Amino acid sequence: MFLLLFFVLLIQFFTYWIFEPLASFLEHVLEISFSPIIALLGLILLFSAKTIEKN
């Protein structure tokens, strides 16, 4: 039982260690103040895509 608890805590530690910097970075990038800029870029990319089928 303690071995299982040790492995679970080890997995949680490494998961936090790997994904916490990525989550912190995305939290700062995707702030509310940047959402209009990101939405505008998304719309530009969406509507500037060339059509695949041309007759």
N, C-alpha and C. Protein backbone atom coordinates (compact mmCIF):
# COMPACT_ATOMS: atom_id res chain seq x y z
N MET A 1 0.82 -1.19 0.00
CA MET A 1 0.00 0.00 0.00
C MET A 1 0.87 1.26 0.00
N PHE A 2 1.92 1.24 0.83
CA PHE A 2 2.80 2.41 0.85
C PHE A 2 3.59 2.54 -0.45
N LEU A 3 3.88 1.41 -1.08
CA LEU A 3 4.57 1.45 -2.37
C LEU A 3 3.67 2.09 -3.43
N LEU A 4 2.40 1.74 -3.42
CA LEU A 4 1.45 2.34 -4.35
C LEU A 4 1.31 3.84 -4.09
N LEU A 5 1.23 4.22 -2.83
CA LEU A 5 1.15 5.63 -2.47
C LEU A 5 2.40 6.38 -2.91
N PHE A 6 3.56 5.74 -2.76
CA PHE A 6 4.81 6.35 -3.19
C PHE A 6 4.81 6.59 -4.70
N PHE A 7 4.36 5.60 -5.48
CA PHE A 7 4.33 5.75 -6.93
C PHE A 7 3.33 6.82 -7.37
N VAL A 8 2.21 6.90 -6.70
CA VAL A 8 1.22 7.93 -7.03
C VAL A 8 1.78 9.32 -6.74
N LEU A 9 2.42 9.49 -5.60
CA LEU A 9 3.01 10.79 -5.27
C LEU A 9 4.15 11.14 -6.22
N LEU A 10 4.92 10.14 -6.63
CA LEU A 10 6.00 10.36 -7.58
C LEU A 10 5.45 10.80 -8.93
N ILE A 11 4.40 10.15 -9.39
CA ILE A 11 3.77 10.53 -10.66
C ILE A 11 3.21 11.93 -10.58
N GLN A 12 2.56 12.28 -9.46
CA GLN A 12 2.02 13.63 -9.30
C GLN A 12 3.13 14.68 -9.29
N PHE A 13 4.23 14.38 -8.65
CA PHE A 13 5.35 15.32 -8.59
C PHE A 13 5.90 15.57 -9.99
N PHE A 14 6.16 14.50 -10.74
CA PHE A 14 6.72 14.68 -12.08
C PHE A 14 5.74 15.32 -13.04
N THR A 15 4.46 15.04 -12.88
CA THR A 15 3.45 15.69 -13.72
C THR A 15 3.41 17.20 -13.44
N TYR A 16 3.46 17.58 -12.17
CA TYR A 16 3.50 19.00 -11.81
C TYR A 16 4.78 19.65 -12.33
N TRP A 17 5.89 18.96 -12.21
CA TRP A 17 7.19 19.48 -12.62
C TRP A 17 7.26 19.70 -14.12
N ILE A 18 6.60 18.83 -14.90
CA ILE A 18 6.64 18.93 -16.35
C ILE A 18 5.63 19.96 -16.86
N PHE A 19 4.39 19.92 -16.35
CA PHE A 19 3.31 20.72 -16.93
C PHE A 19 3.08 22.06 -16.26
N GLU A 20 3.62 22.32 -15.09
CA GLU A 20 3.40 23.60 -14.42
C GLU A 20 4.01 24.77 -15.19
N PRO A 21 5.24 24.67 -15.73
CA PRO A 21 5.75 25.81 -16.51
C PRO A 21 4.92 26.08 -17.77
N LEU A 22 4.45 25.02 -18.42
CA LEU A 22 3.61 25.19 -19.61
C LEU A 22 2.28 25.85 -19.24
N ALA A 23 1.67 25.43 -18.16
CA ALA A 23 0.40 26.01 -17.73
C ALA A 23 0.60 27.47 -17.31
N SER A 24 1.69 27.77 -16.65
CA SER A 24 1.96 29.15 -16.24
C SER A 24 2.19 30.04 -17.46
N PHE A 25 2.91 29.53 -18.45
CA PHE A 25 3.15 30.29 -19.68
C PHE A 25 1.84 30.55 -20.42
N LEU A 26 1.00 29.52 -20.54
CA LEU A 26 -0.27 29.70 -21.24
C LEU A 26 -1.20 30.63 -20.47
N GLU A 27 -1.11 30.63 -19.16
CA GLU A 27 -1.93 31.53 -18.36
C GLU A 27 -1.57 32.98 -18.65
N HIS A 28 -0.29 33.27 -18.80
CA HIS A 28 0.12 34.65 -19.08
C HIS A 28 -0.15 35.03 -20.53
N VAL A 29 -0.03 34.08 -21.46
CA VAL A 29 -0.27 34.39 -22.87
C VAL A 29 -1.76 34.60 -23.14
N LEU A 30 -2.59 33.79 -22.53
CA LEU A 30 -4.02 33.82 -22.83
C LEU A 30 -4.80 34.66 -21.83
N GLU A 31 -4.23 35.76 -21.39
CA GLU A 31 -4.94 36.65 -20.49
C GLU A 31 -6.08 37.33 -21.22
N ILE A 32 -6.99 37.90 -20.45
CA ILE A 32 -8.17 38.54 -21.03
C ILE A 32 -7.77 39.71 -21.93
N SER A 33 -6.70 40.40 -21.58
CA SER A 33 -6.32 41.58 -22.36
C SER A 33 -5.80 41.18 -23.74
N PHE A 34 -5.31 39.95 -23.88
CA PHE A 34 -4.81 39.51 -25.18
C PHE A 34 -5.86 38.79 -26.01
N SER A 35 -7.02 38.52 -25.45
CA SER A 35 -8.02 37.73 -26.17
C SER A 35 -8.52 38.41 -27.46
N PRO A 36 -8.70 39.73 -27.53
CA PRO A 36 -9.11 40.31 -28.82
C PRO A 36 -8.04 40.14 -29.90
N ILE A 37 -6.78 40.24 -29.53
CA ILE A 37 -5.71 40.07 -30.51
C ILE A 37 -5.68 38.64 -31.01
N ILE A 38 -5.82 37.68 -30.09
CA ILE A 38 -5.81 36.28 -30.48
C ILE A 38 -7.03 35.96 -31.33
N ALA A 39 -8.19 36.50 -30.99
CA ALA A 39 -9.40 36.27 -31.79
C ALA A 39 -9.26 36.88 -33.18
N LEU A 40 -8.67 38.06 -33.28
CA LEU A 40 -8.47 38.70 -34.57
C LEU A 40 -7.52 37.88 -35.43
N LEU A 41 -6.43 37.40 -34.85
CA LEU A 41 -5.51 36.56 -35.61
C LEU A 41 -6.17 35.26 -36.05
N GLY A 42 -7.00 34.69 -35.18
CA GLY A 42 -7.72 33.46 -35.55
C GLY A 42 -8.67 33.70 -36.71
N LEU A 43 -9.39 34.80 -36.67
CA LEU A 43 -10.31 35.11 -37.78
C LEU A 43 -9.55 35.38 -39.08
N ILE A 44 -8.43 36.06 -38.99
CA ILE A 44 -7.63 36.32 -40.19
C ILE A 44 -7.13 35.00 -40.79
N LEU A 45 -6.64 34.11 -39.93
CA LEU A 45 -6.18 32.82 -40.43
C LEU A 45 -7.33 31.98 -40.98
N LEU A 46 -8.50 32.08 -40.37
CA LEU A 46 -9.65 31.30 -40.82
C LEU A 46 -10.13 31.75 -42.19
N PHE A 47 -10.23 33.04 -42.39
CA PHE A 47 -10.78 33.54 -43.65
C PHE A 47 -9.73 33.78 -44.73
N SER A 48 -8.45 33.66 -44.39
CA SER A 48 -7.45 33.82 -45.42
C SER A 48 -7.01 32.49 -46.03
N ALA A 49 -7.58 31.40 -45.54
CA ALA A 49 -7.25 30.08 -46.08
C ALA A 49 -7.75 29.97 -47.50
N LYS A 50 -6.92 29.42 -48.36
CA LYS A 50 -7.31 29.25 -49.76
C LYS A 50 -8.18 28.02 -49.90
N THR A 51 -9.11 28.07 -50.82
CA THR A 51 -10.01 26.92 -51.01
C THR A 51 -9.24 25.78 -51.65
N ILE A 52 -9.59 24.58 -51.26
CA ILE A 52 -8.89 23.41 -51.76
C ILE A 52 -9.37 23.08 -53.18
N GLU A 53 -10.67 23.14 -53.38
CA GLU A 53 -11.24 22.80 -54.69
C GLU A 53 -11.42 24.06 -55.51
N LYS A 54 -10.80 24.06 -56.67
CA LYS A 54 -10.99 25.16 -57.62
C LYS A 54 -11.46 24.58 -58.93
N ASN A 55 -12.58 25.10 -59.44
CA ASN A 55 -13.11 24.57 -60.71
C ASN A 55 -12.66 25.42 -61.86
